[in-house]
Amino acid sequence: MNPIGMHYGFWSHNWDEIAYIPLMEKLAWLGFDICEVASAEWGYYDDARLRELKACADMVDMLDAKMFSLNQAIMEIGRTRREEAEKKLEEERLQEEARQQAQRAREIVEGQKAGQGTEPENGGKA
């Protein structure tokens, strides 16, 4: 699956003063995979700021992986329930068909006992 992202500038009026951590959290909450940033300014960040941004990106990535896994599990439960419902409907259809065949057989037997021949009055048609 291709990742989907947004450019950081969409969320700001002043591109020089972006609060990246709240932005990354917002994009993750909205379901985006990537936040495109202007990397030139990152060269001026100290190591502590870069570690903070990396930790946030890692946390968002971990949450995204968990949400994807949860979504897959939910989809599997839905598939299983649909398959079970379809199986139950098919069993009910087969039971109804067997009941109708048994009813037709009883009608034939009753017709034979009454001396009307081997088929019911409707010619054996249901």
C-alpha atoms as a PDB file:
ATOM      1  CA  MET A   1       0.000   0.000   0.000  1.00  0.00           C
ATOM      2  CA  ASN A   2       1.299   3.444  -0.879  1.00  0.00           C
ATOM      3  CA  PRO A   3       1.717   5.847   2.028  1.00  0.00           C
ATOM      4  CA  ILE A   4      -0.402   8.991   2.031  1.00  0.00           C
ATOM      5  CA  GLY A   5       0.876  12.244   3.477  1.00  0.00           C
ATOM      6  CA  MET A   6       0.545  16.008   3.682  1.00  0.00           C
ATOM      7  CA  HIS A   7       2.967  18.903   3.335  1.00  0.00           C
ATOM      8  CA  TYR A   8       3.536  20.634   6.646  1.00  0.00           C
ATOM      9  CA  GLY A   9       2.845  24.048   5.114  1.00  0.00           C
ATOM     10  CA  PHE A  10      -0.839  23.223   4.682  1.00  0.00           C
ATOM     11  CA  TRP A  11      -1.307  23.552   8.440  1.00  0.00           C
ATOM     12  CA  SER A  12       0.522  26.823   9.056  1.00  0.00           C
ATOM     13  CA  HIS A  13       0.355  30.489   8.085  1.00  0.00           C
ATOM     14  CA  ASN A  14       4.006  30.994   8.933  1.00  0.00           C
ATOM     15  CA  TRP A  15       6.281  28.262   7.643  1.00  0.00           C
ATOM     16  CA  ASP A  16       9.123  29.407   9.910  1.00  0.00           C
ATOM     17  CA  GLU A  17       7.290  28.573  13.136  1.00  0.00           C
ATOM     18  CA  ILE A  18       5.882  25.077  12.726  1.00  0.00           C
ATOM     19  CA  ALA A  19       5.117  23.077  15.871  1.00  0.00           C
ATOM     20  CA  TYR A  20       6.086  19.708  14.407  1.00  0.00           C
ATOM     21  CA  ILE A  21       5.077  17.414  17.278  1.00  0.00           C
ATOM     22  CA  PRO A  22       1.427  18.558  17.458  1.00  0.00           C
ATOM     23  CA  LEU A  23       1.406  18.493  13.649  1.00  0.00           C
ATOM     24  CA  MET A  24       2.674  14.881  13.543  1.00  0.00           C
ATOM     25  CA  GLU A  25       0.072  13.882  16.138  1.00  0.00           C
ATOM     26  CA  LYS A  26      -2.694  15.605  14.156  1.00  0.00           C
ATOM     27  CA  LEU A  27      -1.678  13.966  10.876  1.00  0.00           C
ATOM     28  CA  ALA A  28      -1.477  10.549  12.536  1.00  0.00           C
ATOM     29  CA  TRP A  29      -4.918  11.063  14.102  1.00  0.00           C
ATOM     30  CA  LEU A  30      -6.272  11.970  10.658  1.00  0.00           C
ATOM     31  CA  GLY A  31      -4.788   8.762   9.227  1.00  0.00           C
ATOM     32  CA  PHE A  32      -1.886  10.148   7.213  1.00  0.00           C
ATOM     33  CA  ASP A  33       1.345   8.170   6.983  1.00  0.00           C
ATOM     34  CA  ILE A  34       3.792  10.954   6.084  1.00  0.00           C
ATOM     35  CA  CYS A  35       4.432  14.574   6.970  1.00  0.00           C
ATOM     36  CA  GLU A  36       6.561  16.271   4.334  1.00  0.00           C
ATOM     37  CA  VAL A  37       8.775  18.944   5.872  1.00  0.00           C
ATOM     38  CA  ALA A  38      11.323  21.496   4.721  1.00  0.00           C
ATOM     39  CA  SER A  39      14.516  19.759   5.784  1.00  0.00           C
ATOM     40  CA  ALA A  40      16.832  22.780   5.540  1.00  0.00           C
ATOM     41  CA  GLU A  41      15.738  24.172   8.907  1.00  0.00           C
ATOM     42  CA  TRP A  42      16.302  20.808  10.587  1.00  0.00           C
ATOM     43  CA  GLY A  43      20.043  21.304  10.116  1.00  0.00           C
ATOM     44  CA  TYR A  44      19.894  24.069  12.725  1.00  0.00           C
ATOM     45  CA  TYR A  45      18.168  21.968  15.406  1.00  0.00           C
ATOM     46  CA  ASP A  46      20.229  20.740  18.317  1.00  0.00           C
ATOM     47  CA  ASP A  47      20.526  17.011  19.056  1.00  0.00           C
ATOM     48  CA  ALA A  48      17.936  17.142  21.855  1.00  0.00           C
ATOM     49  CA  ARG A  49      15.309  18.639  19.509  1.00  0.00           C
ATOM     50  CA  LEU A  50      16.093  16.076  16.806  1.00  0.00           C
ATOM     51  CA  ARG A  51      15.806  13.213  19.341  1.00  0.00           C
ATOM     52  CA  GLU A  52      12.452  14.622  20.486  1.00  0.00           C
ATOM     53  CA  LEU A  53      11.165  14.740  16.902  1.00  0.00           C
ATOM     54  CA  LYS A  54      12.491  11.238  16.222  1.00  0.00           C
ATOM     55  CA  ALA A  55      10.812   9.892  19.374  1.00  0.00           C
ATOM     56  CA  CYS A  56       7.506  11.452  18.320  1.00  0.00           C
ATOM     57  CA  ALA A  57       7.827  10.022  14.794  1.00  0.00           C
ATOM     58  CA  ASP A  58       8.602   6.577  16.247  1.00  0.00           C
ATOM     59  CA  MET A  59       5.604   6.771  18.595  1.00  0.00           C
ATOM     60  CA  VAL A  60       3.297   7.794  15.748  1.00  0.00           C
ATOM     61  CA  ASP A  61       4.682   4.951  13.592  1.00  0.00           C
ATOM     62  CA  MET A  62       4.111   2.416  16.394  1.00  0.00           C
ATOM     63  CA  LEU A  63       0.541   3.651  16.893  1.00  0.00           C
ATOM     64  CA  ASP A  64      -0.073   3.450  13.156  1.00  0.00           C
ATOM     65  CA  ALA A  65       1.142  -0.162  13.094  1.00  0.00           C
ATOM     66  CA  LYS A  66      -1.110  -1.048  16.042  1.00  0.00           C
ATOM     67  CA  MET A  67      -4.121   0.624  14.431  1.00  0.00           C
ATOM     68  CA  PHE A  68      -3.456  -1.228  11.175  1.00  0.00           C
ATOM     69  CA  SER A  69      -3.230  -4.516  13.080  1.00  0.00           C
ATOM     70  CA  LEU A  70      -6.444  -3.733  14.948  1.00  0.00           C
ATOM     71  CA  ASN A  71      -8.178  -2.855  11.692  1.00  0.00           C
ATOM     72  CA  GLN A  72      -7.055  -6.157  10.152  1.00  0.00           C
ATOM     73  CA  ALA A  73      -8.415  -8.066  13.164  1.00  0.00           C
ATOM     74  CA  ILE A  74     -11.757  -6.250  12.927  1.00  0.00           C
ATOM     75  CA  MET A  75     -11.972  -6.982   9.204  1.00  0.00           C
ATOM     76  CA  GLU A  76     -11.251 -10.681   9.862  1.00  0.00           C
ATOM     77  CA  ILE A  77     -14.010 -10.836  12.483  1.00  0.00           C
ATOM     78  CA  GLY A  78     -16.395  -9.274   9.961  1.00  0.00           C
ATOM     79  CA  ARG A  79     -15.404 -11.797   7.288  1.00  0.00           C
ATOM     80  CA  THR A  80     -15.880 -14.681   9.721  1.00  0.00           C
ATOM     81  CA  ARG A  81     -19.312 -13.439  10.772  1.00  0.00           C
ATOM     82  CA  ARG A  82     -20.402 -12.995   7.146  1.00  0.00           C
ATOM     83  CA  GLU A  83     -19.212 -16.496   6.284  1.00  0.00           C
ATOM     84  CA  GLU A  84     -21.053 -17.941   9.296  1.00  0.00           C
ATOM     85  CA  ALA A  85     -24.252 -16.083   8.339  1.00  0.00           C
ATOM     86  CA  GLU A  86     -23.992 -17.299   4.730  1.00  0.00           C
ATOM     87  CA  LYS A  87     -23.420 -20.874   5.938  1.00  0.00           C
ATOM     88  CA  LYS A  88     -26.446 -20.655   8.237  1.00  0.00           C
ATOM     89  CA  LEU A  89     -28.620 -19.329   5.391  1.00  0.00           C
ATOM     90  CA  GLU A  90     -27.475 -22.156   3.131  1.00  0.00           C
ATOM     91  CA  GLU A  91     -28.255 -24.736   5.840  1.00  0.00           C
ATOM     92  CA  GLU A  92     -31.710 -23.222   6.325  1.00  0.00           C
ATOM     93  CA  ARG A  93     -32.300 -23.285   2.557  1.00  0.00           C
ATOM     94  CA  LEU A  94     -31.290 -26.952   2.395  1.00  0.00           C
ATOM     95  CA  GLN A  95     -33.513 -27.812   5.360  1.00  0.00           C
ATOM     96  CA  GLU A  96     -36.479 -26.080   3.699  1.00  0.00           C
ATOM     97  CA  GLU A  97     -35.781 -27.907   0.447  1.00  0.00           C
ATOM     98  CA  ALA A  98     -35.656 -31.252   2.313  1.00  0.00           C
ATOM     99  CA  ARG A  99     -38.915 -30.395   4.114  1.00  0.00           C
ATOM    100  CA  GLN A 100     -40.605 -29.649   0.792  1.00  0.00           C
ATOM    101  CA  GLN A 101     -39.333 -32.891  -0.738  1.00  0.00           C
ATOM    102  CA  ALA A 102     -40.601 -34.850   2.277  1.00  0.00           C
ATOM    103  CA  GLN A 103     -43.999 -33.143   1.932  1.00  0.00           C
ATOM    104  CA  ARG A 104     -44.164 -34.088  -1.776  1.00  0.00           C
ATOM    105  CA  ALA A 105     -43.235 -37.697  -0.903  1.00  0.00           C
ATOM    106  CA  ARG A 106     -46.027 -37.823   1.711  1.00  0.00           C
ATOM    107  CA  GLU A 107     -48.502 -36.512  -0.854  1.00  0.00           C
ATOM    108  CA  ILE A 108     -47.488 -39.231  -3.312  1.00  0.00           C
ATOM    109  CA  VAL A 109     -47.825 -41.950  -0.654  1.00  0.00           C
ATOM    110  CA  GLU A 110     -51.211 -40.591   0.449  1.00  0.00           C
ATOM    111  CA  GLY A 111     -52.342 -40.503  -3.168  1.00  0.00           C
ATOM    112  CA  GLN A 112     -51.324 -44.125  -3.676  1.00  0.00           C
ATOM    113  CA  LYS A 113     -53.182 -45.174  -0.550  1.00  0.00           C
ATOM    114  CA  ALA A 114     -56.303 -43.386  -1.745  1.00  0.00           C
ATOM    115  CA  GLY A 115     -56.026 -45.141  -5.089  1.00  0.00           C
ATOM    116  CA  GLN A 116     -55.379 -41.986  -7.063  1.00  0.00           C
ATOM    117  CA  GLY A 117     -52.259 -43.250  -8.769  1.00  0.00           C
ATOM    118  CA  THR A 118     -48.628 -42.517  -8.114  1.00  0.00           C
ATOM    119  CA  GLU A 119     -48.694 -38.717  -8.346  1.00  0.00           C
ATOM    120  CA  PRO A 120     -50.580 -36.063  -6.414  1.00  0.00           C
ATOM    121  CA  GLU A 121     -53.383 -34.091  -8.097  1.00  0.00           C
ATOM    122  CA  ASN A 122     -51.048 -31.364  -9.345  1.00  0.00           C
ATOM    123  CA  GLY A 123     -49.017 -33.843 -11.402  1.00  0.00           C
ATOM    124  CA  GLY A 124     -46.114 -33.981  -8.959  1.00  0.00           C
ATOM    125  CA  LYS A 125     -45.323 -30.287  -9.299  1.00  0.00           C
ATOM    126  CA  ALA A 126     -44.823 -28.168  -6.190  1.00  0.00           C
END
